[in-house]
Amino acid sequence: MFLNIAALPVLTITIRKNLMKLVAPHLIPKDNLQITLPTALFTLIIILPCATLAILLQHKIEMIVGITGGVCGVFILLTIPAALVLQGRKKHKVKYIDNPYISKFQHPFWIWTLIVLGCVFVPYNLYMQIKKII
């Protein structure tokens, strides 16, 4: 259980930075340690659902870990990186034709597949966790 509690700040910081890059890149402070109003608000938006779950399900630690780990994990591993790649490719419309190491997965289909999978996995994870409660 300690490892899951210790991972929450790392997950929060990672999701906050990636969400801010997607939603409001101009609000990211130059100093990573600087706390600004936007960073505090994004942190609260991420922490409040986790804290609410912890209060409501305080005797069911497995549920809390399953929900927060499943949702945060899907966002960190699938949804946010895919959205960042999509945004980056739109912003920098550069073709690297002479690069022998170019990715074979350049078509937007692969990015949208990851986003769709993320949108399927989060509700599925929540459904499975709620099914355990009921």
Protein backbone atom coordinates (compact mmCIF):
# COMPACT_ATOMS: atom_id res chain seq x y z
CA MET A 1 0.00 0.00 0.00
CA PHE A 2 2.86 2.40 0.76
CA LEU A 3 4.12 2.20 -2.81
CA ASN A 4 0.73 3.22 -4.17
CA ILE A 5 0.57 6.20 -1.84
CA ALA A 6 4.11 7.18 -2.79
CA ALA A 7 3.24 6.98 -6.50
CA LEU A 8 0.34 9.44 -6.27
CA PRO A 9 2.49 12.62 -6.33
CA VAL A 10 4.48 11.31 -9.29
CA LEU A 11 1.30 10.43 -11.18
CA THR A 12 -0.23 13.80 -10.31
CA ILE A 13 2.80 15.78 -11.47
CA THR A 14 3.06 13.77 -14.68
CA ILE A 15 -0.62 14.16 -15.55
CA ARG A 16 -0.59 17.85 -14.59
CA LYS A 17 2.39 18.66 -16.81
CA ASN A 18 0.99 16.72 -19.76
CA LEU A 19 -2.51 18.21 -19.41
CA MET A 20 -1.07 21.69 -19.20
CA LYS A 21 0.97 21.04 -22.35
CA LEU A 22 -2.21 20.01 -24.14
CA VAL A 23 -4.67 22.56 -22.79
CA ALA A 24 -2.64 25.63 -21.86
CA PRO A 25 1.05 25.41 -22.82
CA HIS A 26 1.51 29.15 -22.30
CA LEU A 27 0.65 28.78 -18.59
CA ILE A 28 3.45 26.31 -17.79
CA PRO A 29 6.00 28.01 -15.51
CA LYS A 30 9.61 28.09 -16.70
CA ASP A 31 10.77 26.91 -13.30
CA ASN A 32 9.37 23.44 -12.56
CA LEU A 33 9.38 24.12 -8.82
CA GLN A 34 7.39 27.34 -9.13
CA ILE A 35 3.79 27.08 -7.97
CA THR A 36 1.40 29.29 -9.90
CA LEU A 37 -2.37 29.57 -9.90
CA PRO A 38 -2.78 27.43 -13.07
CA THR A 39 -0.50 24.67 -11.72
CA ALA A 40 -2.39 24.70 -8.42
CA LEU A 41 -5.76 24.50 -10.22
CA PHE A 42 -4.65 21.64 -12.48
CA THR A 43 -3.29 19.81 -9.43
CA LEU A 44 -6.59 20.24 -7.61
CA ILE A 45 -8.54 19.01 -10.62
CA ILE A 46 -6.46 15.84 -10.57
CA ILE A 47 -6.28 15.34 -6.79
CA LEU A 48 -9.92 16.03 -5.85
CA PRO A 49 -11.42 12.91 -7.49
CA CYS A 50 -8.72 10.75 -5.87
CA ALA A 51 -9.27 12.33 -2.45
CA THR A 52 -13.04 11.97 -2.79
CA LEU A 53 -12.66 8.28 -3.59
CA ALA A 54 -10.29 7.81 -0.67
CA ILE A 55 -12.82 9.34 1.71
CA LEU A 56 -15.80 7.43 0.33
CA LEU A 57 -14.02 4.08 0.08
CA GLN A 58 -11.70 4.32 3.07
CA HIS A 59 -12.16 0.66 4.04
CA LYS A 60 -11.74 -0.68 0.50
CA ILE A 61 -8.13 0.09 -0.39
CA GLU A 62 -8.15 -2.34 -3.32
CA MET A 63 -10.93 -0.31 -4.95
CA ILE A 64 -9.07 2.97 -4.54
CA VAL A 65 -5.89 1.54 -6.03
CA GLY A 66 -7.80 -0.08 -8.90
CA ILE A 67 -9.71 3.06 -9.81
CA THR A 68 -6.90 5.61 -9.44
CA GLY A 69 -4.28 3.31 -10.93
CA GLY A 70 -6.48 2.28 -13.82
CA VAL A 71 -7.60 5.79 -14.72
CA CYS A 72 -4.23 7.49 -14.19
CA GLY A 73 -2.43 4.65 -15.93
CA VAL A 74 -4.62 4.85 -19.02
CA PHE A 75 -4.17 8.60 -19.22
CA ILE A 76 -0.40 8.44 -18.69
CA LEU A 77 0.24 5.50 -21.03
CA LEU A 78 -2.34 5.93 -23.80
CA THR A 79 -4.47 9.03 -24.01
CA ILE A 80 -2.17 11.94 -23.17
CA PRO A 81 0.90 10.75 -25.15
CA ALA A 82 -1.30 10.09 -28.19
CA ALA A 83 -2.87 13.54 -27.91
CA LEU A 84 0.59 15.14 -27.52
CA VAL A 85 1.84 13.36 -30.65
CA LEU A 86 -1.28 14.40 -32.55
CA GLN A 87 -0.88 18.01 -31.45
CA GLY A 88 2.85 17.99 -32.23
CA ARG A 89 2.32 16.62 -35.71
CA LYS A 90 -0.33 19.25 -36.43
CA LYS A 91 1.93 22.02 -35.15
CA HIS A 92 5.10 20.89 -36.95
CA LYS A 93 4.05 19.64 -40.35
CA VAL A 94 7.48 18.25 -41.20
CA LYS A 95 8.12 15.16 -43.27
CA TYR A 96 11.34 13.26 -42.58
CA ILE A 97 11.68 11.37 -45.82
CA ASP A 98 15.44 10.72 -45.62
CA ASN A 99 15.34 9.40 -42.06
CA PRO A 100 16.04 5.63 -42.00
CA TYR A 101 14.74 5.43 -38.41
CA ILE A 102 11.34 6.95 -39.12
CA SER A 103 8.40 5.33 -37.41
CA LYS A 104 6.27 2.92 -39.39
CA PHE A 105 3.24 4.18 -37.44
CA GLN A 106 3.02 7.67 -38.92
CA HIS A 107 -0.59 7.45 -40.03
CA PRO A 108 -3.06 9.26 -37.71
CA PHE A 109 -5.04 6.00 -37.48
CA TRP A 110 -2.60 4.69 -34.87
CA ILE A 111 -2.90 7.79 -32.71
CA TRP A 112 -6.68 7.78 -32.85
CA THR A 113 -6.66 4.05 -32.06
CA LEU A 114 -4.78 4.78 -28.82
CA ILE A 115 -7.18 7.59 -27.92
CA VAL A 116 -10.21 5.37 -28.60
CA LEU A 117 -8.67 2.53 -26.57
CA GLY A 118 -8.13 4.95 -23.70
CA CYS A 119 -11.75 6.06 -23.95
CA VAL A 120 -12.81 2.39 -23.82
CA PHE A 121 -10.47 1.28 -21.03
CA VAL A 122 -11.37 4.02 -18.53
CA PRO A 123 -15.13 3.28 -18.48
CA TYR A 124 -14.42 -0.46 -18.52
CA ASN A 125 -12.10 -0.14 -15.53
CA LEU A 126 -14.64 2.00 -13.68
CA TYR A 127 -17.41 -0.48 -14.51
CA MET A 128 -15.38 -3.41 -13.21
CA GLN A 129 -14.52 -1.56 -9.99
CA ILE A 130 -18.12 -0.46 -9.39
CA LYS A 131 -19.31 -4.00 -10.13
CA LYS A 132 -17.12 -5.21 -7.23
CA ILE A 133 -18.85 -2.74 -4.90
CA ILE A 134 -22.35 -3.81 -5.90
